[in-house]
């Protein structure tokens, strides 16, 4: 996923990072300031260091639980890890990275009368 975004950026098709890359950049920046490692993030998220590294690069999606766990580890408000709107277009709602978010188990529609 992040390779697709990087290629599109190089071609000038987009000028921003995906939502997952943006979260990863914010988390990695806060980790650097606190001298934390991928291993520390992996423990907080309950994943392997390899998966934590992929999340930081935006190659694997961040769940809401991941964002809250990372924020707790870093001692920051979860909202600080989320990307902001562009100030030149306050009405803009970026959907970058959102289409691959799906509902969890139990959200299947009920089929009555089958």
PDB file of N, CA and C in Angstrom:
ATOM      1  N   UNK A   1       0.823  -1.184   0.000  1.00  0.00           N
ATOM      2  CA  UNK A   1       0.000   0.000   0.000  1.00  0.00           C
ATOM      3  C   UNK A   1       0.868   1.250   0.000  1.00  0.00           C
ATOM      4  N   UNK A   2       1.864   1.323   0.872  1.00  0.00           N
ATOM      5  CA  UNK A   2       2.688   2.530   0.931  1.00  0.00           C
ATOM      6  C   UNK A   2       3.492   2.721  -0.355  1.00  0.00           C
ATOM      7  N   UNK A   3       3.858   1.613  -1.040  1.00  0.00           N
ATOM      8  CA  UNK A   3       4.581   1.742  -2.301  1.00  0.00           C
ATOM      9  C   UNK A   3       3.694   2.405  -3.357  1.00  0.00           C
ATOM     10  N   UNK A   4       2.400   2.079  -3.345  1.00  0.00           N
ATOM     11  CA  UNK A   4       1.466   2.686  -4.292  1.00  0.00           C
ATOM     12  C   UNK A   4       1.370   4.190  -4.062  1.00  0.00           C
ATOM     13  N   UNK A   5       1.285   4.576  -2.804  1.00  0.00           N
ATOM     14  CA  UNK A   5       1.203   6.004  -2.482  1.00  0.00           C
ATOM     15  C   UNK A   5       2.492   6.715  -2.873  1.00  0.00           C
ATOM     16  N   UNK A   6       3.622   6.088  -2.582  1.00  0.00           N
ATOM     17  CA  UNK A   6       4.907   6.718  -2.912  1.00  0.00           C
ATOM     18  C   UNK A   6       5.048   6.891  -4.422  1.00  0.00           C
ATOM     19  N   UNK A   7       4.639   5.891  -5.190  1.00  0.00           N
ATOM     20  CA  UNK A   7       4.707   5.993  -6.648  1.00  0.00           C
ATOM     21  C   UNK A   7       3.787   7.095  -7.158  1.00  0.00           C
ATOM     22  N   UNK A   8       2.596   7.205  -6.590  1.00  0.00           N
ATOM     23  CA  UNK A   8       1.666   8.264  -6.996  1.00  0.00           C
ATOM     24  C   UNK A   8       2.210   9.641  -6.631  1.00  0.00           C
ATOM     25  N   UNK A   9       2.877   9.742  -5.480  1.00  0.00           N
ATOM     26  CA  UNK A   9       3.497  11.019  -5.087  1.00  0.00           C
ATOM     27  C   UNK A   9       4.588  11.406  -6.067  1.00  0.00           C
ATOM     28  N   UNK A  10       5.410  10.434  -6.466  1.00  0.00           N
ATOM     29  CA  UNK A  10       6.498  10.709  -7.410  1.00  0.00           C
ATOM     30  C   UNK A  10       5.961  11.175  -8.759  1.00  0.00           C
ATOM     31  N   UNK A  11       4.819  10.635  -9.178  1.00  0.00           N
ATOM     32  CA  UNK A  11       4.213  11.048 -10.446  1.00  0.00           C
ATOM     33  C   UNK A  11       3.442  12.357 -10.310  1.00  0.00           C
ATOM     34  N   UNK A  12       3.327  12.890  -9.079  1.00  0.00           N
ATOM     35  CA  UNK A  12       2.625  14.149  -8.875  1.00  0.00           C
ATOM     36  C   UNK A  12       1.120  14.015  -8.810  1.00  0.00           C
ATOM     37  N   UNK A  13       0.629  12.780  -8.641  1.00  0.00           N
ATOM     38  CA  UNK A  13      -0.818  12.580  -8.594  1.00  0.00           C
ATOM     39  C   UNK A  13      -1.409  12.958  -7.243  1.00  0.00           C
ATOM     40  N   UNK A  14      -0.649  12.780  -6.187  1.00  0.00           N
ATOM     41  CA  UNK A  14      -1.094  13.172  -4.849  1.00  0.00           C
ATOM     42  C   UNK A  14       0.041  13.905  -4.153  1.00  0.00           C
ATOM     43  N   UNK A  15      -0.313  14.707  -3.151  1.00  0.00           N
ATOM     44  CA  UNK A  15       0.718  15.464  -2.447  1.00  0.00           C
ATOM     45  C   UNK A  15       0.709  15.203  -0.948  1.00  0.00           C
ATOM     46  N   UNK A  16       0.061  14.129  -0.546  1.00  0.00           N
ATOM     47  CA  UNK A  16      -0.007  13.851   0.886  1.00  0.00           C
ATOM     48  C   UNK A  16       0.248  12.374   1.148  1.00  0.00           C
ATOM     49  N   UNK A  17       0.369  12.059   2.412  1.00  0.00           N
ATOM     50  CA  UNK A  17       0.559  10.677   2.830  1.00  0.00           C
ATOM     51  C   UNK A  17      -0.796  10.031   3.076  1.00  0.00           C
ATOM     52  N   UNK A  18      -0.831   8.702   3.046  1.00  0.00           N
ATOM     53  CA  UNK A  18      -2.062   7.997   3.397  1.00  0.00           C
ATOM     54  C   UNK A  18      -2.309   8.190   4.888  1.00  0.00           C
ATOM     55  N   UNK A  19      -3.515   7.900   5.326  1.00  0.00           N
ATOM     56  CA  UNK A  19      -3.838   8.059   6.740  1.00  0.00           C
ATOM     57  C   UNK A  19      -2.937   7.171   7.603  1.00  0.00           C
ATOM     58  N   UNK A  20      -2.635   5.960   7.116  1.00  0.00           N
ATOM     59  CA  UNK A  20      -1.806   5.047   7.885  1.00  0.00           C
ATOM     60  C   UNK A  20      -0.355   5.530   7.956  1.00  0.00           C
ATOM     61  N   UNK A  21       0.143   6.088   6.858  1.00  0.00           N
ATOM     62  CA  UNK A  21       1.498   6.650   6.875  1.00  0.00           C
ATOM     63  C   UNK A  21       1.558   7.853   7.802  1.00  0.00           C
ATOM     64  N   UNK A  22       0.519   8.682   7.782  1.00  0.00           N
ATOM     65  CA  UNK A  22       0.484   9.867   8.638  1.00  0.00           C
ATOM     66  C   UNK A  22       0.501   9.483  10.112  1.00  0.00           C
ATOM     67  N   UNK A  23      -0.274   8.473  10.475  1.00  0.00           N
ATOM     68  CA  UNK A  23      -0.275   8.006  11.865  1.00  0.00           C
ATOM     69  C   UNK A  23       1.103   7.463  12.217  1.00  0.00           C
ATOM     70  N   UNK A  24       1.684   6.669  11.325  1.00  0.00           N
ATOM     71  CA  UNK A  24       3.018   6.111  11.563  1.00  0.00           C
ATOM     72  C   UNK A  24       4.068   7.183  11.755  1.00  0.00           C
ATOM     73  N   UNK A  25       4.008   8.248  10.955  1.00  0.00           N
ATOM     74  CA  UNK A  25       4.965   9.346  11.087  1.00  0.00           C
ATOM     75  C   UNK A  25       4.808  10.023  12.446  1.00  0.00           C
ATOM     76  N   UNK A  26       3.564  10.263  12.867  1.00  0.00           N
ATOM     77  CA  UNK A  26       3.324  10.908  14.164  1.00  0.00           C
ATOM     78  C   UNK A  26       3.806  10.029  15.318  1.00  0.00           C
ATOM     79  N   UNK A  27       3.525   8.731  15.242  1.00  0.00           N
ATOM     80  CA  UNK A  27       3.951   7.805  16.301  1.00  0.00           C
ATOM     81  C   UNK A  27       5.470   7.712  16.331  1.00  0.00           C
ATOM     82  N   UNK A  28       6.087   7.567  15.161  1.00  0.00           N
ATOM     83  CA  UNK A  28       7.543   7.434  15.110  1.00  0.00           C
ATOM     84  C   UNK A  28       8.238   8.690  15.631  1.00  0.00           C
ATOM     85  N   UNK A  29       7.691   9.849  15.314  1.00  0.00           N
ATOM     86  CA  UNK A  29       8.264  11.107  15.796  1.00  0.00           C
ATOM     87  C   UNK A  29       8.196  11.177  17.318  1.00  0.00           C
ATOM     88  N   UNK A  30       7.045  10.823  17.887  1.00  0.00           N
ATOM     89  CA  UNK A  30       6.895  10.832  19.347  1.00  0.00           C
ATOM     90  C   UNK A  30       7.788   9.779  19.997  1.00  0.00           C
ATOM     91  N   UNK A  31       7.937   8.626  19.349  1.00  0.00           N
ATOM     92  CA  UNK A  31       8.822   7.586  19.878  1.00  0.00           C
ATOM     93  C   UNK A  31      10.267   8.076  19.896  1.00  0.00           C
ATOM     94  N   UNK A  32      10.685   8.767  18.846  1.00  0.00           N
ATOM     95  CA  UNK A  32      12.051   9.278  18.762  1.00  0.00           C
ATOM     96  C   UNK A  32      12.320  10.256  19.906  1.00  0.00           C
ATOM     97  N   UNK A  33      11.367  11.164  20.153  1.00  0.00           N
ATOM     98  CA  UNK A  33      11.548  12.150  21.225  1.00  0.00           C
ATOM     99  C   UNK A  33      11.639  11.493  22.592  1.00  0.00           C
ATOM    100  N   UNK A  34      10.992  10.356  22.757  1.00  0.00           N
ATOM    101  CA  UNK A  34      10.991   9.654  24.053  1.00  0.00           C
ATOM    102  C   UNK A  34      12.013   8.514  24.108  1.00  0.00           C
ATOM    103  N   UNK A  35      12.796   8.379  23.031  1.00  0.00           N
ATOM    104  CA  UNK A  35      13.823   7.336  22.933  1.00  0.00           C
ATOM    105  C   UNK A  35      13.249   5.927  23.076  1.00  0.00           C
ATOM    106  N   UNK A  36      12.093   5.719  22.445  1.00  0.00           N
ATOM    107  CA  UNK A  36      11.474   4.392  22.436  1.00  0.00           C
ATOM    108  C   UNK A  36      11.800   3.698  21.121  1.00  0.00           C
ATOM    109  N   UNK A  37      11.755   2.363  21.150  1.00  0.00           N
ATOM    110  CA  UNK A  37      12.096   1.570  19.969  1.00  0.00           C
ATOM    111  C   UNK A  37      10.867   0.849  19.421  1.00  0.00           C
ATOM    112  N   UNK A  38      11.022   0.271  18.240  1.00  0.00           N
ATOM    113  CA  UNK A  38       9.940  -0.524  17.649  1.00  0.00           C
ATOM    114  C   UNK A  38       9.512  -1.640  18.585  1.00  0.00           C
ATOM    115  N   UNK A  39      10.465  -2.185  19.311  1.00  0.00           N
ATOM    116  CA  UNK A  39      10.172  -3.266  20.246  1.00  0.00           C
ATOM    117  C   UNK A  39       9.189  -2.795  21.322  1.00  0.00           C
ATOM    118  N   UNK A  40       9.345  -1.549  21.786  1.00  0.00           N
ATOM    119  CA  UNK A  40       8.437  -0.991  22.795  1.00  0.00           C
ATOM    120  C   UNK A  40       7.029  -0.833  22.215  1.00  0.00           C
ATOM    121  N   UNK A  41       6.944  -0.365  20.972  1.00  0.00           N
ATOM    122  CA  UNK A  41       5.647  -0.232  20.317  1.00  0.00           C
ATOM    123  C   UNK A  41       5.016  -1.608  20.118  1.00  0.00           C
ATOM    124  N   UNK A  42       5.818  -2.581  19.724  1.00  0.00           N
ATOM    125  CA  UNK A  42       5.309  -3.939  19.509  1.00  0.00           C
ATOM    126  C   UNK A  42       4.677  -4.494  20.781  1.00  0.00           C
ATOM    127  N   UNK A  43       5.322  -4.273  21.910  1.00  0.00           N
ATOM    128  CA  UNK A  43       4.777  -4.740  23.194  1.00  0.00           C
ATOM    129  C   UNK A  43       3.453  -4.037  23.486  1.00  0.00           C
ATOM    130  N   UNK A  44       3.406  -2.728  23.273  1.00  0.00           N
ATOM    131  CA  UNK A  44       2.187  -1.962  23.533  1.00  0.00           C
ATOM    132  C   UNK A  44       1.027  -2.408  22.646  1.00  0.00           C
ATOM    133  N   UNK A  45       1.330  -2.766  21.390  1.00  0.00           N
ATOM    134  CA  UNK A  45       0.286  -3.178  20.454  1.00  0.00           C
ATOM    135  C   UNK A  45      -0.009  -4.673  20.516  1.00  0.00           C
ATOM    136  N   UNK A  46       0.860  -5.438  21.156  1.00  0.00           N
ATOM    137  CA  UNK A  46       0.674  -6.889  21.215  1.00  0.00           C
ATOM    138  C   UNK A  46       0.988  -7.578  19.905  1.00  0.00           C
ATOM    139  N   UNK A  47       1.983  -7.043  19.181  1.00  0.00           N
ATOM    140  CA  UNK A  47       2.385  -7.608  17.896  1.00  0.00           C
ATOM    141  C   UNK A  47       3.894  -7.833  17.900  1.00  0.00           C
ATOM    142  N   UNK A  48       4.412  -8.390  16.817  1.00  0.00           N
ATOM    143  CA  UNK A  48       5.859  -8.571  16.696  1.00  0.00           C
ATOM    144  C   UNK A  48       6.511  -7.245  16.302  1.00  0.00           C
ATOM    145  N   UNK A  49       7.808  -7.079  16.565  1.00  0.00           N
ATOM    146  CA  UNK A  49       8.499  -5.860  16.122  1.00  0.00           C
ATOM    147  C   UNK A  49       8.411  -5.650  14.616  1.00  0.00           C
ATOM    148  N   UNK A  50       8.378  -6.733  13.846  1.00  0.00           N
ATOM    149  CA  UNK A  50       8.254  -6.627  12.393  1.00  0.00           C
ATOM    150  C   UNK A  50       6.926  -5.974  12.003  1.00  0.00           C
ATOM    151  N   UNK A  51       5.846  -6.411  12.624  1.00  0.00           N
ATOM    152  CA  UNK A  51       4.527  -5.845  12.338  1.00  0.00           C
ATOM    153  C   UNK A  51       4.476  -4.387  12.795  1.00  0.00           C
ATOM    154  N   UNK A  52       5.073  -4.086  13.937  1.00  0.00           N
ATOM    155  CA  UNK A  52       5.114  -2.702  14.425  1.00  0.00           C
ATOM    156  C   UNK A  52       5.840  -1.810  13.423  1.00  0.00           C
ATOM    157  N   UNK A  53       6.943  -2.290  12.865  1.00  0.00           N
ATOM    158  CA  UNK A  53       7.681  -1.526  11.860  1.00  0.00           C
ATOM    159  C   UNK A  53       6.854  -1.288  10.606  1.00  0.00           C
ATOM    160  N   UNK A  54       6.093  -2.306  10.196  1.00  0.00           N
ATOM    161  CA  UNK A  54       5.240  -2.150   9.016  1.00  0.00           C
ATOM    162  C   UNK A  54       4.123  -1.145   9.271  1.00  0.00           C
ATOM    163  N   UNK A  55       3.595  -1.125  10.484  1.00  0.00           N
ATOM    164  CA  UNK A  55       2.575  -0.124  10.832  1.00  0.00           C
ATOM    165  C   UNK A  55       3.178   1.275  10.776  1.00  0.00           C
ATOM    166  N   UNK A  56       4.400   1.436  11.290  1.00  0.00           N
ATOM    167  CA  UNK A  56       5.053   2.746  11.265  1.00  0.00           C
ATOM    168  C   UNK A  56       5.282   3.238   9.840  1.00  0.00           C
ATOM    169  N   UNK A  57       5.518   2.319   8.907  1.00  0.00           N
ATOM    170  CA  UNK A  57       5.738   2.682   7.502  1.00  0.00           C
ATOM    171  C   UNK A  57       4.434   2.852   6.730  1.00  0.00           C
ATOM    172  N   UNK A  58       3.312   2.450   7.327  1.00  0.00           N
ATOM    173  CA  UNK A  58       2.028   2.566   6.647  1.00  0.00           C
ATOM    174  C   UNK A  58       1.702   1.379   5.773  1.00  0.00           C
ATOM    175  N   UNK A  59       2.474   0.320   5.867  1.00  0.00           N
ATOM    176  CA  UNK A  59       2.236  -0.869   5.052  1.00  0.00           C
ATOM    177  C   UNK A  59       1.120  -1.730   5.622  1.00  0.00           C
ATOM    178  N   UNK A  60       0.839  -1.573   6.918  1.00  0.00           N
ATOM    179  CA  UNK A  60      -0.248  -2.294   7.584  1.00  0.00           C
ATOM    180  C   UNK A  60      -1.143  -1.245   8.243  1.00  0.00           C
ATOM    181  N   UNK A  61      -2.455  -1.461   8.149  1.00  0.00           N
ATOM    182  CA  UNK A  61      -3.423  -0.509   8.690  1.00  0.00           C
ATOM    183  C   UNK A  61      -3.345  -0.398  10.215  1.00  0.00           C
ATOM    184  N   UNK A  62      -3.618   0.804  10.696  1.00  0.00           N
ATOM    185  CA  UNK A  62      -3.744   1.066  12.130  1.00  0.00           C
ATOM    186  C   UNK A  62      -5.214   0.934  12.504  1.00  0.00           C
ATOM    187  N   UNK A  63      -5.514   0.147  13.519  1.00  0.00           N
ATOM    188  CA  UNK A  63      -6.891   0.076  14.018  1.00  0.00           C
ATOM    189  C   UNK A  63      -7.065   1.170  15.074  1.00  0.00           C
ATOM    190  N   UNK A  64      -8.299   1.406  15.452  1.00  0.00           N
ATOM    191  CA  UNK A  64      -8.567   2.383  16.517  1.00  0.00           C
ATOM    192  C   UNK A  64      -7.887   1.931  17.805  1.00  0.00           C
ATOM    193  N   UNK A  65      -7.914   0.631  18.077  1.00  0.00           N
ATOM    194  CA  UNK A  65      -7.266   0.105  19.280  1.00  0.00           C
ATOM    195  C   UNK A  65      -5.765   0.342  19.234  1.00  0.00           C
ATOM    196  N   UNK A  66      -5.159   0.199  18.050  1.00  0.00           N
ATOM    197  CA  UNK A  66      -3.723   0.450  17.901  1.00  0.00           C
ATOM    198  C   UNK A  66      -3.385   1.899  18.225  1.00  0.00           C
ATOM    199  N   UNK A  67      -4.189   2.821  17.717  1.00  0.00           N
ATOM    200  CA  UNK A  67      -3.939   4.244  17.952  1.00  0.00           C
ATOM    201  C   UNK A  67      -4.035   4.550  19.440  1.00  0.00           C
ATOM    202  N   UNK A  68      -5.051   4.007  20.112  1.00  0.00           N
ATOM    203  CA  UNK A  68      -5.202   4.252  21.544  1.00  0.00           C
ATOM    204  C   UNK A  68      -4.062   3.621  22.343  1.00  0.00           C
ATOM    205  N   UNK A  69      -3.634   2.420  21.962  1.00  0.00           N
ATOM    206  CA  UNK A  69      -2.526   1.758  22.662  1.00  0.00           C
ATOM    207  C   UNK A  69      -1.227   2.542  22.478  1.00  0.00           C
ATOM    208  N   UNK A  70      -0.978   3.016  21.267  1.00  0.00           N
ATOM    209  CA  UNK A  70       0.232   3.807  21.003  1.00  0.00           C
ATOM    210  C   UNK A  70       0.181   5.116  21.779  1.00  0.00           C
ATOM    211  N   UNK A  71      -0.979   5.763  21.798  1.00  0.00           N
ATOM    212  CA  UNK A  71      -1.122   7.025  22.540  1.00  0.00           C
ATOM    213  C   UNK A  71      -0.889   6.815  24.023  1.00  0.00           C
ATOM    214  N   UNK A  72      -1.387   5.719  24.560  1.00  0.00           N
ATOM    215  CA  UNK A  72      -1.172   5.418  25.976  1.00  0.00           C
ATOM    216  C   UNK A  72       0.305   5.188  26.255  1.00  0.00           C
ATOM    217  N   UNK A  73       0.974   4.437  25.389  1.00  0.00           N
ATOM    218  CA  UNK A  73       2.403   4.183  25.555  1.00  0.00           C
ATOM    219  C   UNK A  73       3.191   5.495  25.523  1.00  0.00           C
ATOM    220  N   UNK A  74       2.787   6.411  24.631  1.00  0.00           N
ATOM    221  CA  UNK A  74       3.502   7.665  24.439  1.00  0.00           C
ATOM    222  C   UNK A  74       3.073   8.749  25.426  1.00  0.00           C
ATOM    223  N   UNK A  75       1.965   8.522  26.129  1.00  0.00           N
ATOM    224  CA  UNK A  75       1.477   9.509  27.079  1.00  0.00           C
ATOM    225  C   UNK A  75       0.902  10.747  26.401  1.00  0.00           C
ATOM    226  N   UNK A  76       0.240  10.549  25.249  1.00  0.00           N
ATOM    227  CA  UNK A  76      -0.360  11.666  24.522  1.00  0.00           C
ATOM    228  C   UNK A  76      -1.836  11.371  24.268  1.00  0.00           C
ATOM    229  N   UNK A  77      -2.569  12.403  23.926  1.00  0.00           N
ATOM    230  CA  UNK A  77      -3.959  12.247  23.528  1.00  0.00           C
ATOM    231  C   UNK A  77      -3.990  11.538  22.167  1.00  0.00           C
ATOM    232  N   UNK A  78      -4.875  10.554  21.965  1.00  0.00           N
ATOM    233  CA  UNK A  78      -4.917   9.846  20.683  1.00  0.00           C
ATOM    234  C   UNK A  78      -5.120  10.770  19.483  1.00  0.00           C
ATOM    235  N   UNK A  79      -5.822  11.866  19.663  1.00  0.00           N
ATOM    236  CA  UNK A  79      -6.053  12.806  18.576  1.00  0.00           C
ATOM    237  C   UNK A  79      -4.777  13.429  18.039  1.00  0.00           C
ATOM    238  N   UNK A  80      -3.740  13.465  18.849  1.00  0.00           N
ATOM    239  CA  UNK A  80      -2.460  14.035  18.401  1.00  0.00           C
ATOM    240  C   UNK A  80      -1.765  13.144  17.387  1.00  0.00           C
ATOM    241  N   UNK A  81      -2.170  11.888  17.304  1.00  0.00           N
ATOM    242  CA  UNK A  81      -1.541  10.953  16.371  1.00  0.00           C
ATOM    243  C   UNK A  81      -2.268  10.905  15.028  1.00  0.00           C
ATOM    244  N   UNK A  82      -3.413  11.548  14.946  1.00  0.00           N
ATOM    245  CA  UNK A  82      -4.211  11.513  13.725  1.00  0.00           C
ATOM    246  C   UNK A  82      -3.871  12.698  12.832  1.00  0.00           C
ATOM    247  N   UNK A  83      -3.973  12.513  11.502  1.00  0.00           N
ATOM    248  CA  UNK A  83      -3.670  13.617  10.582  1.00  0.00           C
ATOM    249  C   UNK A  83      -4.683  14.748  10.709  1.00  0.00           C
ATOM    250  N   UNK A  84      -4.251  15.938  10.351  1.00  0.00           N
ATOM    251  CA  UNK A  84      -5.084  17.139  10.409  1.00  0.00           C
ATOM    252  C   UNK A  84      -5.575  17.519   9.017  1.00  0.00           C
ATOM    253  N   UNK A  85      -6.653  18.303   8.973  1.00  0.00           N
ATOM    254  CA  UNK A  85      -7.130  18.834   7.700  1.00  0.00           C
ATOM    255  C   UNK A  85      -6.170  19.900   7.204  1.00  0.00           C
ATOM    256  N   UNK A  86      -6.163  20.100   5.895  1.00  0.00           N
ATOM    257  CA  UNK A  86      -5.378  21.181   5.315  1.00  0.00           C
ATOM    258  C   UNK A  86      -6.063  22.500   5.646  1.00  0.00           C
ATOM    259  N   UNK A  87      -5.294  23.487   6.066  1.00  0.00           N
ATOM    260  CA  UNK A  87      -5.876  24.762   6.467  1.00  0.00           C
ATOM    261  C   UNK A  87      -6.405  25.561   5.285  1.00  0.00           C
ATOM    262  N   UNK A  88      -5.899  25.336   4.076  1.00  0.00           N
ATOM    263  CA  UNK A  88      -6.360  26.103   2.924  1.00  0.00           C
ATOM    264  C   UNK A  88      -7.717  25.624   2.405  1.00  0.00           C
ATOM    265  N   UNK A  89      -8.202  24.485   2.880  1.00  0.00           N
ATOM    266  CA  UNK A  89      -9.497  23.970   2.467  1.00  0.00           C
ATOM    267  C   UNK A  89     -10.177  23.319   3.669  1.00  0.00           C
ATOM    268  N   UNK A  90     -10.761  24.136   4.579  1.00  0.00           N
ATOM    269  CA  UNK A  90     -11.328  23.577   5.808  1.00  0.00           C
ATOM    270  C   UNK A  90     -12.479  22.610   5.582  1.00  0.00           C
ATOM    271  N   UNK A  91     -13.115  22.652   4.406  1.00  0.00           N
ATOM    272  CA  UNK A  91     -14.214  21.739   4.134  1.00  0.00           C
ATOM    273  C   UNK A  91     -13.767  20.380   3.639  1.00  0.00           C
ATOM    274  N   UNK A  92     -12.467  20.219   3.407  1.00  0.00           N
ATOM    275  CA  UNK A  92     -11.933  18.982   2.848  1.00  0.00           C
ATOM    276  C   UNK A  92     -11.958  17.859   3.878  1.00  0.00           C
ATOM    277  N   UNK A  93     -12.428  16.719   3.464  1.00  0.00           N
ATOM    278  CA  UNK A  93     -12.354  15.512   4.282  1.00  0.00           C
ATOM    279  C   UNK A  93     -11.583  14.502   3.472  1.00  0.00           C
ATOM    280  N   UNK A  94     -10.375  14.221   3.888  1.00  0.00           N
ATOM    281  CA  UNK A  94      -9.532  13.296   3.142  1.00  0.00           C
ATOM    282  C   UNK A  94      -9.958  11.864   3.413  1.00  0.00           C
ATOM    283  N   UNK A  95     -10.147  11.116   2.364  1.00  0.00           N
ATOM    284  CA  UNK A  95     -10.501   9.706   2.495  1.00  0.00           C
ATOM    285  C   UNK A  95      -9.325   8.807   2.149  1.00  0.00           C
ATOM    286  N   UNK A  96      -8.133   9.362   2.147  1.00  0.00           N
ATOM    287  CA  UNK A  96      -6.939   8.596   1.793  1.00  0.00           C
ATOM    288  C   UNK A  96      -6.763   7.433   2.749  1.00  0.00           C
ATOM    289  N   UNK A  97      -6.718   6.249   2.209  1.00  0.00           N
ATOM    290  CA  UNK A  97      -6.494   5.058   3.021  1.00  0.00           C
ATOM    291  C   UNK A  97      -7.761   4.491   3.632  1.00  0.00           C
ATOM    292  N   UNK A  98      -8.873   5.190   3.579  1.00  0.00           N
ATOM    293  CA  UNK A  98     -10.093   4.753   4.231  1.00  0.00           C
ATOM    294  C   UNK A  98     -10.788   3.594   3.511  1.00  0.00           C
ATOM    295  N   UNK A  99     -10.780   3.502   2.184  1.00  0.00           N
ATOM    296  CA  UNK A  99     -11.551   2.451   1.526  1.00  0.00           C
ATOM    297  C   UNK A  99     -11.209   1.029   1.958  1.00  0.00           C
ATOM    298  N   UNK A 100     -10.028   0.798   2.502  1.00  0.00           N
ATOM    299  CA  UNK A 100      -9.708  -0.566   2.896  1.00  0.00           C
ATOM    300  C   UNK A 100     -10.066  -0.857   4.348  1.00  0.00           C
ATOM    301  N   UNK A 101     -10.757   0.060   5.011  1.00  0.00           N
ATOM    302  CA  UNK A 101     -11.246  -0.183   6.363  1.00  0.00           C
ATOM    303  C   UNK A 101     -12.586  -0.888   6.231  1.00  0.00           C
ATOM    304  N   UNK A 102     -12.748  -1.983   6.929  1.00  0.00           N
ATOM    305  CA  UNK A 102     -13.989  -2.749   6.846  1.00  0.00           C
ATOM    306  C   UNK A 102     -14.551  -2.952   8.236  1.00  0.00           C
ATOM    307  N   UNK A 103     -15.837  -3.236   8.305  1.00  0.00           N
ATOM    308  CA  UNK A 103     -16.484  -3.498   9.580  1.00  0.00           C
ATOM    309  C   UNK A 103     -15.979  -4.822  10.144  1.00  0.00           C
ATOM    310  N   UNK A 104     -16.006  -4.922  11.447  1.00  0.00           N
ATOM    311  CA  UNK A 104     -15.559  -6.143  12.111  1.00  0.00           C
ATOM    312  C   UNK A 104     -16.609  -7.224  12.080  1.00  0.00           C
ATOM    313  N   UNK A 105     -16.355  -8.290  12.791  1.00  0.00           N
ATOM    314  CA  UNK A 105     -17.276  -9.411  12.866  1.00  0.00           C
ATOM    315  C   UNK A 105     -18.562  -8.978  13.553  1.00  0.00           C
ATOM    316  N   UNK A 106     -19.678  -9.482  13.097  1.00  0.00           N
ATOM    317  CA  UNK A 106     -20.956  -9.167  13.709  1.00  0.00           C
ATOM    318  C   UNK A 106     -21.708  -8.057  13.009  1.00  0.00           C
ATOM    319  N   UNK A 107     -21.137  -7.496  11.952  1.00  0.00           N
ATOM    320  CA  UNK A 107     -21.784  -6.425  11.226  1.00  0.00           C
ATOM    321  C   UNK A 107     -22.437  -6.913   9.938  1.00  0.00           C
ATOM    322  N   UNK A 108     -22.579  -8.234   9.803  1.00  0.00           N
ATOM    323  CA  UNK A 108     -23.173  -8.777   8.604  1.00  0.00           C
ATOM    324  C   UNK A 108     -24.661  -8.446   8.606  1.00  0.00           C
ATOM    325  N   UNK A 109     -25.229  -8.158   7.446  1.00  0.00           N
ATOM    326  CA  UNK A 109     -26.673  -7.877   7.408  1.00  0.00           C
ATOM    327  C   UNK A 109     -27.483  -9.133   7.704  1.00  0.00           C
ATOM    328  N   UNK A 110     -28.599  -8.931   8.305  1.00  0.00           N
ATOM    329  CA  UNK A 110     -29.478 -10.058   8.647  1.00  0.00           C
ATOM    330  C   UNK A 110     -30.310 -10.391   7.416  1.00  0.00           C
ATOM    331  N   UNK A 111     -30.326 -11.653   7.066  1.00  0.00           N
ATOM    332  CA  UNK A 111     -31.142 -12.112   5.930  1.00  0.00           C
ATOM    333  C   UNK A 111     -32.363 -12.799   6.496  1.00  0.00           C
ATOM    334  N   UNK A 112     -33.502 -12.129   6.433  1.00  0.00           N
ATOM    335  CA  UNK A 112     -34.706 -12.732   6.984  1.00  0.00           C
ATOM    336  C   UNK A 112     -35.508 -13.434   5.892  1.00  0.00           C
ATOM    337  N   UNK A 113     -36.164 -14.471   6.233  1.00  0.00           N
ATOM    338  CA  UNK A 113     -37.020 -15.183   5.304  1.00  0.00           C
ATOM    339  C   UNK A 113     -36.296 -16.105   4.358  1.00  0.00           C
ATOM    340  N   UNK A 114     -35.018 -16.400   4.629  1.00  0.00           N
ATOM    341  CA  UNK A 114     -34.307 -17.329   3.744  1.00  0.00           C
ATOM    342  C   UNK A 114     -34.469 -18.739   4.188  1.00  0.00           C
TER     343      UNK A 114
END
